[in-house]
Amino acid sequence: MPHRSIQSQQQRKNIMLEEPISRVIPKMAIPTIVAFLINSVYSLADTYFVSSLGTSATAAVSVNASLDQLIMMAGSMLAVGANSYIARLLGQGNEKKASQVLSTSFFLAMGLGAALMVVGLIFMHPMVRLLGATPTCEEYAIDYATYVLYAAPFMAANFVMNQCLRSEGSAVLSMVGMGFGGVLNCVLDPIFIFVFDMGVAGASLATAISKWVSFAILIFPYLTRRSLLHLSLRNFRPSWGIISSVISVGSSSMFRSGLSVVAAILLNSLAGAISDSVLAGIGVCTKVMMFPFSIILGFGSGFQPVAGFNWGAKRYDRVEESYRFSAWVALIGSALMALTVALLSDAIIVAFAGTDPQMRHIGRICMVSQCIALPIHAWVAVVNMYCAGLGNARGALILSTSRQGTCFLPLLYPMAWLFGAYGVATVQAAADVLSLALAVPILIGMNKRVALAKSDNP
């Protein structure tokens, strides 16, 4: 077993350092994209099956998207930071410390998820109101939030294991863990909602079970020593060096998730004040746009460890090549996806809106506007991953918080005041365009940093 592990480790190093960039990044990205897409499917499946229960039930699922973001915030800070740090450590050949980073991040994520679960269950009613639930959809929102909270510790830990499997080059194992849970959720949704007549609570229970199953699959390679890294309590080292290195990069993801929660709460409040139809229409658009966003994020997640590994190994030529390849693929791919979704937008919204004309109209406007801005969002996401992969915590933080923070929040209330429901529906697209002003100077700085490192190590 040790000999096989060393041999496998050397093979993965050779892939990262020698295989053509145009092959290694897709090889890393495709399993992640598939996993993200399957997760997007089961997220949309909840909305699809629940939509048959009425507009208020659909609005409740939209409100609880903010709860998912809260749980993501508990795990993603540690997951993204650990991914970046572990990729650089493996590039340097320091597997022992990489295992300590994994174990520390895993157990801290479990603890943060458990804390969120306890607080959420105790303060359930004020929590769903804070997330933007209207009086007409509050009880539905509570039904959906309950089982999801029970799964919160495992969801937070899943983020860490998923990211860390990718950082060591095991993207297929990550895909299997996340993907199987997604497929299971799609199967269980109609059973719990309709056969067992659980309604919205059934969708929540199906989601929770899928997360528990994903946890079992993702932890299996660690428990059976089939991974390069070792997950165990013995490797739990909450030292300042490890925590600060993880948080310095991962904080960008935490702030992004935190701002996403704040943005979603404010957006839900403004949309809900107009009508449940507007709230539901924007919520459906958000779930549908998770498909192109998942592809973009999955591709960036394939690019990030490749850039980080080669940066740690001082292969700066491959760092530059990996960025150029990723930027072009992101721009061209996102433009094609945007055109496809925009052309099909009306048919897509009709599948969820039923006979609600306002939900259909607002949902389509929201979707088309985000399609227009999608290539910009994709390119900025690549620059963000570039910063995270190379350990540029400041650049990663600025870009990750721009989309639903520094570029979104200043626009939200003015656009809602000036254009009403139309302003609320198009504010995300406007923020995506504005984020371009932040990404350009950061990229220039990153390119100078790589060029300087390359000249110092010819």
Protein backbone atom coordinates (compact mmCIF):
# COMPACT_ATOMS: atom_id res chain seq x y z
CA MET A 1 0.00 0.00 0.00
CA PRO A 2 2.75 2.59 0.81
CA HIS A 3 4.51 1.73 -2.48
CA ARG A 4 1.26 2.17 -4.44
CA SER A 5 0.62 5.47 -2.66
CA ILE A 6 4.10 6.79 -3.53
CA GLN A 7 3.72 5.66 -7.13
CA SER A 8 0.29 7.28 -7.42
CA GLN A 9 1.62 10.45 -5.84
CA GLN A 10 4.45 10.63 -8.38
CA GLN A 11 2.02 10.09 -11.24
CA ARG A 12 -0.16 12.96 -10.07
CA LYS A 13 2.89 15.22 -9.73
CA ASN A 14 3.90 14.35 -13.29
CA ILE A 15 0.40 15.22 -14.50
CA MET A 16 0.48 18.61 -12.77
CA LEU A 17 4.01 19.51 -13.90
CA GLU A 18 4.44 17.85 -17.30
CA GLU A 19 1.11 17.16 -19.02
CA PRO A 20 -0.02 19.85 -21.51
CA ILE A 21 -2.08 22.59 -19.85
CA SER A 22 -4.83 22.17 -22.44
CA ARG A 23 -5.28 18.60 -21.18
CA VAL A 24 -4.59 18.81 -17.46
CA ILE A 25 -7.00 21.67 -16.68
CA PRO A 26 -9.99 20.01 -18.42
CA LYS A 27 -8.99 16.72 -16.77
CA MET A 28 -9.16 18.46 -13.38
CA ALA A 29 -12.19 20.57 -14.22
CA ILE A 30 -14.60 18.17 -15.96
CA PRO A 31 -15.31 15.93 -12.93
CA THR A 32 -15.84 19.06 -10.81
CA ILE A 33 -18.14 20.61 -13.42
CA VAL A 34 -20.17 17.40 -13.57
CA ALA A 35 -20.49 17.33 -9.77
CA PHE A 36 -21.52 20.99 -9.64
CA LEU A 37 -24.03 20.51 -12.44
CA ILE A 38 -25.61 17.55 -10.67
CA ASN A 39 -25.85 19.66 -7.53
CA SER A 40 -27.48 22.41 -9.58
CA VAL A 41 -29.94 19.86 -10.94
CA TYR A 42 -31.07 18.75 -7.50
CA SER A 43 -31.23 22.35 -6.28
CA LEU A 44 -33.46 23.14 -9.24
CA ALA A 45 -35.36 19.88 -8.70
CA ASP A 46 -36.45 21.12 -5.27
CA THR A 47 -37.83 24.26 -6.88
CA TYR A 48 -39.46 22.35 -9.75
CA PHE A 49 -41.33 19.84 -7.59
CA VAL A 50 -42.24 22.41 -4.94
CA SER A 51 -43.58 24.81 -7.61
CA SER A 52 -46.59 22.51 -7.99
CA LEU A 53 -47.54 23.50 -4.42
CA GLY A 54 -47.98 27.16 -5.38
CA THR A 55 -46.10 30.45 -5.73
CA SER A 56 -45.67 30.92 -1.96
CA ALA A 57 -44.04 27.48 -1.62
CA THR A 58 -41.69 28.33 -4.50
CA ALA A 59 -40.85 31.63 -2.82
CA ALA A 60 -40.01 29.73 0.40
CA VAL A 61 -37.43 27.60 -1.40
CA SER A 62 -35.96 30.80 -2.87
CA VAL A 63 -35.69 32.28 0.62
CA ASN A 64 -33.90 29.22 1.92
CA ALA A 65 -31.21 29.58 -0.73
CA SER A 66 -29.77 32.09 1.75
CA LEU A 67 -29.62 29.34 4.39
CA ASP A 68 -27.55 27.23 1.99
CA GLN A 69 -25.25 30.23 1.60
CA LEU A 70 -24.88 30.51 5.38
CA ILE A 71 -23.85 26.87 5.62
CA MET A 72 -21.53 27.34 2.67
CA MET A 73 -19.94 30.26 4.51
CA ALA A 74 -19.24 27.94 7.46
CA GLY A 75 -17.31 25.51 5.28
CA SER A 76 -16.09 27.36 2.21
CA MET A 77 -13.67 29.65 4.04
CA LEU A 78 -11.77 26.61 5.30
CA ALA A 79 -12.30 24.61 2.10
CA VAL A 80 -11.01 27.19 -0.38
CA GLY A 81 -8.11 28.22 1.86
CA ALA A 82 -7.14 24.59 2.45
CA ASN A 83 -7.35 23.82 -1.28
CA SER A 84 -4.93 26.61 -2.15
CA TYR A 85 -2.53 25.89 0.72
CA ILE A 86 -2.52 22.12 0.15
CA ALA A 87 -1.88 22.48 -3.60
CA ARG A 88 1.17 24.64 -2.86
CA LEU A 89 2.40 22.26 -0.14
CA LEU A 90 2.08 19.28 -2.46
CA GLY A 91 3.95 21.21 -5.15
CA GLN A 92 6.75 21.64 -2.58
CA GLY A 93 6.58 17.93 -1.63
CA ASN A 94 5.36 18.53 1.96
CA GLU A 95 2.64 15.85 2.22
CA LYS A 96 2.74 15.62 6.03
CA LYS A 97 1.82 19.25 6.58
CA ALA A 98 -0.78 19.02 3.81
CA SER A 99 -2.52 16.24 5.79
CA GLN A 100 -2.46 18.45 8.90
CA VAL A 101 -4.08 21.28 6.94
CA LEU A 102 -6.81 18.90 5.71
CA SER A 103 -7.59 17.47 9.16
CA THR A 104 -7.59 20.85 10.87
CA SER A 105 -9.90 22.37 8.26
CA PHE A 106 -12.24 19.35 8.32
CA PHE A 107 -12.86 19.31 12.08
CA LEU A 108 -13.16 23.09 12.30
CA ALA A 109 -15.78 23.00 9.51
CA MET A 110 -17.76 20.33 11.35
CA GLY A 111 -17.71 22.52 14.47
CA LEU A 112 -18.86 25.63 12.62
CA GLY A 113 -21.66 23.69 10.92
CA ALA A 114 -22.82 22.26 14.26
CA ALA A 115 -22.90 25.74 15.81
CA LEU A 116 -25.01 27.04 12.92
CA MET A 117 -27.38 24.08 13.29
CA VAL A 118 -27.98 24.73 17.00
CA VAL A 119 -28.48 28.47 16.59
CA GLY A 120 -30.78 28.01 13.60
CA LEU A 121 -33.01 25.44 15.30
CA ILE A 122 -33.34 27.59 18.43
CA PHE A 123 -34.14 30.80 16.55
CA MET A 124 -36.03 29.29 13.61
CA HIS A 125 -38.86 31.85 13.27
CA PRO A 126 -36.72 34.99 13.45
CA MET A 127 -34.14 33.32 11.20
CA VAL A 128 -36.51 32.69 8.27
CA ARG A 129 -37.96 36.19 8.64
CA LEU A 130 -34.45 37.60 8.53
CA LEU A 131 -33.73 35.57 5.39
CA GLY A 132 -36.63 37.37 3.68
CA ALA A 133 -39.68 35.14 4.22
CA THR A 134 -43.00 36.93 3.80
CA PRO A 135 -45.97 36.17 6.09
CA THR A 136 -47.54 34.07 3.33
CA CYS A 137 -44.50 31.82 2.84
CA GLU A 138 -43.05 31.78 6.39
CA GLU A 139 -44.39 28.36 7.39
CA TYR A 140 -43.18 26.84 4.13
CA ALA A 141 -39.75 28.36 4.80
CA ILE A 142 -39.64 26.79 8.26
CA ASP A 143 -40.60 23.39 6.84
CA TYR A 144 -37.74 23.59 4.35
CA ALA A 145 -35.12 24.92 6.77
CA THR A 146 -35.57 22.27 9.47
CA TYR A 147 -34.00 19.19 7.86
CA VAL A 148 -31.37 21.25 6.04
CA LEU A 149 -30.11 22.50 9.41
CA TYR A 150 -29.76 18.93 10.68
CA ALA A 151 -27.36 18.30 7.79
CA ALA A 152 -25.37 21.54 8.29
CA PRO A 153 -22.25 20.02 9.99
CA PHE A 154 -21.92 17.43 7.23
CA MET A 155 -22.52 19.99 4.46
CA ALA A 156 -19.75 22.21 5.86
CA ALA A 157 -17.34 19.27 6.07
CA ASN A 158 -18.29 18.19 2.53
CA PHE A 159 -16.96 21.49 1.19
CA VAL A 160 -13.56 20.82 2.78
CA MET A 161 -13.27 17.22 1.56
CA ASN A 162 -14.49 18.16 -1.91
CA GLN A 163 -11.94 20.95 -2.31
CA CYS A 164 -9.05 19.00 -0.78
CA LEU A 165 -9.62 15.95 -2.99
CA ARG A 166 -9.33 18.29 -5.98
CA SER A 167 -6.16 19.92 -4.61
CA GLU A 168 -4.38 16.54 -4.65
CA GLY A 169 -5.61 15.77 -8.16
CA SER A 170 -8.47 13.42 -7.20
CA ALA A 171 -11.20 15.32 -9.01
CA VAL A 172 -13.04 12.11 -9.99
CA LEU A 173 -13.47 11.05 -6.34
CA SER A 174 -14.81 14.53 -5.61
CA MET A 175 -17.25 14.21 -8.51
CA VAL A 176 -18.55 10.83 -7.35
CA GLY A 177 -19.17 12.09 -3.82
CA MET A 178 -21.00 15.25 -4.80
CA GLY A 179 -22.67 13.80 -7.88
CA PHE A 180 -24.22 10.71 -6.32
CA GLY A 181 -25.83 12.81 -3.60
CA GLY A 182 -27.33 15.05 -6.28
CA VAL A 183 -28.82 12.15 -8.21
CA LEU A 184 -30.23 10.69 -5.00
CA ASN A 185 -31.90 14.01 -4.17
CA CYS A 186 -33.67 14.07 -7.54
CA VAL A 187 -35.01 10.57 -6.89
CA LEU A 188 -36.13 11.27 -3.32
CA ASP A 189 -37.80 14.65 -3.99
CA PRO A 190 -41.03 13.38 -5.61
CA ILE A 191 -41.18 10.41 -3.21
CA PHE A 192 -41.13 12.54 -0.06
CA ILE A 193 -43.12 15.47 -1.48
CA PHE A 194 -45.94 13.53 -3.16
CA VAL A 195 -45.91 9.85 -2.17
CA PHE A 196 -45.38 10.54 1.54
CA ASP A 197 -47.32 13.81 1.25
CA MET A 198 -44.65 15.79 3.17
CA GLY A 199 -44.86 18.85 0.93
CA VAL A 200 -42.02 21.36 1.29
CA ALA A 201 -40.60 19.43 4.27
CA GLY A 202 -40.17 16.44 1.97
CA ALA A 203 -37.90 18.46 -0.34
CA SER A 204 -35.86 19.47 2.70
CA LEU A 205 -35.54 15.88 3.96
CA ALA A 206 -34.47 14.69 0.49
CA THR A 207 -31.75 17.36 0.43
CA ALA A 208 -30.53 16.44 3.93
CA ILE A 209 -30.31 12.72 3.11
CA SER A 210 -28.37 13.45 -0.07
CA LYS A 211 -25.87 15.53 1.92
CA TRP A 212 -25.40 12.75 4.48
CA VAL A 213 -24.78 10.23 1.70
CA SER A 214 -22.29 12.59 0.00
CA PHE A 215 -20.44 12.90 3.30
CA ALA A 216 -20.13 9.12 3.59
CA ILE A 217 -18.79 8.82 0.04
CA LEU A 218 -16.32 11.71 0.33
CA ILE A 219 -14.85 10.53 3.63
CA PHE A 220 -14.44 6.93 2.41
CA PRO A 221 -11.12 7.43 0.51
CA TYR A 222 -9.65 9.19 3.56
CA LEU A 223 -10.71 6.47 6.01
CA THR A 224 -9.43 3.71 3.73
CA ARG A 225 -6.13 5.50 2.94
CA ARG A 226 -6.89 5.66 -0.77
CA SER A 227 -6.06 9.37 -0.88
CA LEU A 228 -2.67 11.06 -0.80
CA LEU A 229 -3.68 13.02 2.30
CA HIS A 230 -4.54 11.47 5.66
CA LEU A 231 -7.58 12.65 7.60
CA SER A 232 -7.41 11.88 11.32
CA LEU A 233 -7.64 13.45 14.77
CA ARG A 234 -3.89 12.92 15.14
CA ASN A 235 -3.34 15.34 12.27
CA PHE A 236 -5.59 17.98 13.83
CA ARG A 237 -3.20 20.91 14.35
CA PRO A 238 -5.07 24.16 15.00
CA SER A 239 -1.81 26.14 15.05
CA TRP A 240 -1.67 29.81 14.15
CA GLY A 241 0.53 29.03 11.14
CA ILE A 242 -1.97 26.65 9.56
CA ILE A 243 -5.11 28.59 10.48
CA SER A 244 -3.72 31.94 9.32
CA SER A 245 -2.51 30.46 6.01
CA VAL A 246 -5.90 28.87 5.37
CA ILE A 247 -7.97 31.86 6.44
CA SER A 248 -5.83 34.42 4.60
CA VAL A 249 -6.93 32.92 1.27
CA GLY A 250 -10.19 31.32 2.42
CA SER A 251 -11.51 34.53 3.94
CA SER A 252 -12.26 35.71 0.41
CA SER A 253 -14.71 32.83 0.05
CA MET A 254 -16.17 33.48 3.51
CA PHE A 255 -16.75 37.15 2.74
CA ARG A 256 -18.18 36.22 -0.65
CA SER A 257 -20.63 33.81 0.97
CA GLY A 258 -21.41 36.28 3.73
CA LEU A 259 -22.09 39.06 1.27
CA SER A 260 -24.16 36.64 -0.81
CA VAL A 261 -26.33 36.05 2.25
CA VAL A 262 -26.67 39.78 2.93
CA ALA A 263 -27.38 40.50 -0.73
CA ALA A 264 -29.95 37.69 -0.93
CA ILE A 265 -31.71 38.86 2.24
CA LEU A 266 -31.95 42.44 0.98
CA LEU A 267 -32.99 41.30 -2.49
CA ASN A 268 -35.63 38.96 -1.05
CA SER A 269 -36.97 41.74 1.14
CA LEU A 270 -37.30 44.16 -1.76
CA ALA A 271 -38.78 41.52 -4.09
CA GLY A 272 -41.15 40.17 -1.42
CA ALA A 273 -42.37 43.69 -0.68
CA ILE A 274 -43.56 43.86 -4.29
CA SER A 275 -45.13 40.38 -4.42
CA ASP A 276 -44.47 36.68 -3.90
CA SER A 277 -44.47 36.39 -7.70
CA VAL A 278 -41.49 38.73 -8.05
CA LEU A 279 -39.68 36.91 -5.22
CA ALA A 280 -40.36 33.52 -6.80
CA GLY A 281 -39.42 34.70 -10.33
CA ILE A 282 -36.03 35.99 -9.23
CA GLY A 283 -35.51 32.86 -7.13
CA VAL A 284 -36.18 30.57 -10.11
CA CYS A 285 -33.78 32.62 -12.26
CA THR A 286 -31.11 32.26 -9.58
CA LYS A 287 -31.53 28.47 -9.53
CA VAL A 288 -31.46 28.21 -13.34
CA MET A 289 -28.38 30.42 -13.67
CA MET A 290 -26.61 28.07 -11.26
CA PHE A 291 -26.04 25.85 -14.31
CA PRO A 292 -23.73 28.20 -16.24
CA PHE A 293 -22.29 29.48 -12.95
CA SER A 294 -21.52 25.89 -11.92
CA ILE A 295 -19.66 25.28 -15.18
CA ILE A 296 -17.68 28.48 -14.67
CA LEU A 297 -16.91 27.67 -11.04
CA GLY A 298 -16.06 24.06 -11.85
CA PHE A 299 -13.69 25.12 -14.61
CA GLY A 300 -12.06 27.66 -12.31
CA SER A 301 -11.72 24.98 -9.64
CA GLY A 302 -9.83 22.87 -12.17
CA PHE A 303 -7.56 25.79 -13.05
CA GLN A 304 -6.81 26.93 -9.47
CA PRO A 305 -4.92 23.85 -8.16
CA VAL A 306 -2.95 23.58 -11.42
CA ALA A 307 -1.80 27.20 -11.09
CA GLY A 308 -1.09 26.75 -7.36
CA PHE A 309 0.80 23.48 -7.78
CA ASN A 310 3.03 24.90 -10.51
CA TRP A 311 3.55 28.12 -8.54
CA GLY A 312 4.75 26.05 -5.57
CA ALA A 313 7.01 24.03 -7.90
CA LYS A 314 8.36 27.28 -9.47
CA ARG A 315 7.11 26.34 -12.93
CA TYR A 316 6.14 29.91 -13.75
CA ASP A 317 5.87 29.24 -17.48
CA ARG A 318 3.03 26.81 -16.78
CA VAL A 319 1.41 29.27 -14.38
CA GLU A 320 1.21 31.86 -17.19
CA GLU A 321 0.04 29.32 -19.73
CA SER A 322 -2.65 27.99 -17.40
CA TYR A 323 -4.12 31.48 -16.95
CA ARG A 324 -4.15 32.28 -20.68
CA PHE A 325 -5.82 28.99 -21.55
CA SER A 326 -8.42 29.34 -18.79
CA ALA A 327 -9.28 32.94 -19.64
CA TRP A 328 -9.98 32.17 -23.30
CA VAL A 329 -11.99 29.03 -22.56
CA ALA A 330 -14.05 30.92 -19.96
CA LEU A 331 -14.85 33.80 -22.32
CA ILE A 332 -15.80 31.67 -25.31
CA GLY A 333 -17.64 29.02 -23.31
CA SER A 334 -19.65 31.54 -21.28
CA ALA A 335 -20.69 33.44 -24.42
CA LEU A 336 -22.08 30.24 -25.95
CA MET A 337 -23.90 29.33 -22.72
CA ALA A 338 -25.34 32.83 -22.41
CA LEU A 339 -26.74 32.74 -25.93
CA THR A 340 -28.33 29.33 -25.37
CA VAL A 341 -29.97 30.20 -22.04
CA ALA A 342 -31.21 33.58 -23.29
CA LEU A 343 -32.91 31.99 -26.32
CA LEU A 344 -34.59 29.36 -24.11
CA SER A 345 -35.36 31.71 -21.19
CA ASP A 346 -39.12 31.98 -21.76
CA ALA A 347 -39.61 28.23 -22.07
CA ILE A 348 -37.51 27.63 -18.96
CA ILE A 349 -39.47 30.09 -16.81
CA VAL A 350 -42.82 28.73 -18.02
CA ALA A 351 -41.92 25.31 -16.58
CA PHE A 352 -41.87 26.88 -13.10
CA ALA A 353 -44.28 29.79 -13.38
CA GLY A 354 -47.39 27.91 -14.46
CA THR A 355 -50.19 30.44 -14.85
CA ASP A 356 -48.44 33.25 -12.93
CA PRO A 357 -47.74 35.94 -15.58
CA GLN A 358 -45.79 38.30 -13.29
CA MET A 359 -43.46 35.54 -12.13
CA ARG A 360 -42.86 34.56 -15.76
CA HIS A 361 -42.17 38.12 -16.93
CA ILE A 362 -39.81 39.11 -14.11
CA GLY A 363 -38.00 35.77 -14.19
CA ARG A 364 -37.28 36.14 -17.91
CA ILE A 365 -35.96 39.69 -17.55
CA CYS A 366 -33.72 38.60 -14.69
CA MET A 367 -32.38 35.65 -16.71
CA VAL A 368 -31.69 37.51 -19.96
CA SER A 369 -29.88 40.35 -18.16
CA GLN A 370 -27.59 37.90 -16.38
CA CYS A 371 -26.88 36.13 -19.67
CA ILE A 372 -25.70 39.42 -21.16
CA ALA A 373 -23.21 39.86 -18.31
CA LEU A 374 -22.15 36.19 -18.15
CA PRO A 375 -18.86 36.45 -20.13
CA ILE A 376 -17.69 39.22 -17.81
CA HIS A 377 -18.61 37.15 -14.76
CA ALA A 378 -16.70 34.16 -16.18
CA TRP A 379 -13.52 36.11 -16.85
CA VAL A 380 -13.58 37.79 -13.43
CA ALA A 381 -14.04 34.34 -11.84
CA VAL A 382 -10.87 33.09 -13.58
CA VAL A 383 -8.89 36.10 -12.34
CA ASN A 384 -10.28 35.42 -8.86
CA MET A 385 -9.12 31.78 -9.00
CA TYR A 386 -5.75 32.98 -10.32
CA CYS A 387 -5.31 35.09 -7.18
CA ALA A 388 -6.48 32.29 -4.87
CA GLY A 389 -4.25 29.69 -6.52
CA LEU A 390 -1.13 31.82 -6.14
CA GLY A 391 -1.93 32.82 -2.56
CA ASN A 392 -2.85 36.47 -3.32
CA ALA A 393 -5.38 36.77 -0.50
CA ARG A 394 -6.05 40.47 -1.04
CA GLY A 395 -6.86 40.14 -4.74
CA ALA A 396 -9.00 37.06 -4.15
CA LEU A 397 -10.89 38.88 -1.40
CA ILE A 398 -11.58 41.97 -3.51
CA LEU A 399 -12.87 39.99 -6.48
CA SER A 400 -14.83 37.38 -4.57
CA THR A 401 -16.70 40.07 -2.63
CA SER A 402 -17.38 42.32 -5.62
CA ARG A 403 -20.19 40.38 -7.31
CA GLN A 404 -22.60 40.51 -4.37
CA GLY A 405 -20.83 43.05 -2.22
CA THR A 406 -18.91 46.12 -3.29
CA CYS A 407 -20.47 46.19 -6.77
CA PHE A 408 -23.92 44.85 -5.82
CA LEU A 409 -24.98 46.56 -2.60
CA PRO A 410 -24.43 50.18 -3.75
CA LEU A 411 -26.64 49.51 -6.80
CA LEU A 412 -29.47 47.57 -5.13
CA TYR A 413 -31.58 50.29 -3.51
CA PRO A 414 -31.07 52.96 -6.21
CA MET A 415 -32.11 50.52 -8.95
CA ALA A 416 -35.07 49.26 -6.92
CA TRP A 417 -36.17 52.85 -6.27
CA LEU A 418 -35.74 53.98 -9.89
CA PHE A 419 -37.04 50.92 -11.74
CA GLY A 420 -39.06 48.91 -9.20
CA ALA A 421 -39.34 45.19 -9.97
CA TYR A 422 -37.24 45.63 -13.12
CA GLY A 423 -34.41 47.17 -11.12
CA VAL A 424 -34.51 44.34 -8.58
CA ALA A 425 -34.45 41.80 -11.44
CA THR A 426 -31.45 43.33 -13.26
CA VAL A 427 -29.23 44.51 -10.39
CA GLN A 428 -27.08 41.35 -10.40
CA ALA A 429 -26.21 41.78 -14.07
CA ALA A 430 -25.29 45.43 -13.47
CA ALA A 431 -23.01 44.40 -10.59
CA ASP A 432 -21.29 41.80 -12.78
CA VAL A 433 -20.46 44.45 -15.38
CA LEU A 434 -19.19 46.85 -12.71
CA SER A 435 -16.84 44.19 -11.25
CA LEU A 436 -14.78 44.43 -14.44
CA ALA A 437 -13.32 47.71 -13.16
CA LEU A 438 -11.80 45.86 -10.19
CA ALA A 439 -10.55 42.79 -12.06
CA VAL A 440 -8.45 44.56 -14.70
CA PRO A 441 -5.93 46.28 -12.37
CA ILE A 442 -5.70 43.16 -10.17
CA LEU A 443 -4.83 41.03 -13.20
CA ILE A 444 -2.13 43.50 -14.23
CA GLY A 445 -0.61 43.20 -10.75
CA MET A 446 -0.76 39.39 -10.86
CA ASN A 447 0.97 39.26 -14.23
CA LYS A 448 3.74 41.50 -12.93
CA ARG A 449 4.15 39.25 -9.88
CA VAL A 450 4.53 36.13 -12.02
CA ALA A 451 6.90 37.89 -14.44
CA LEU A 452 9.10 39.05 -11.53
CA ALA A 453 9.22 35.54 -10.03
CA LYS A 454 10.07 34.13 -13.44
CA SER A 455 12.97 36.56 -13.92
CA ASP A 456 14.35 35.77 -10.45
CA ASN A 457 14.26 32.02 -11.20
CA PRO A 458 15.17 31.61 -14.89
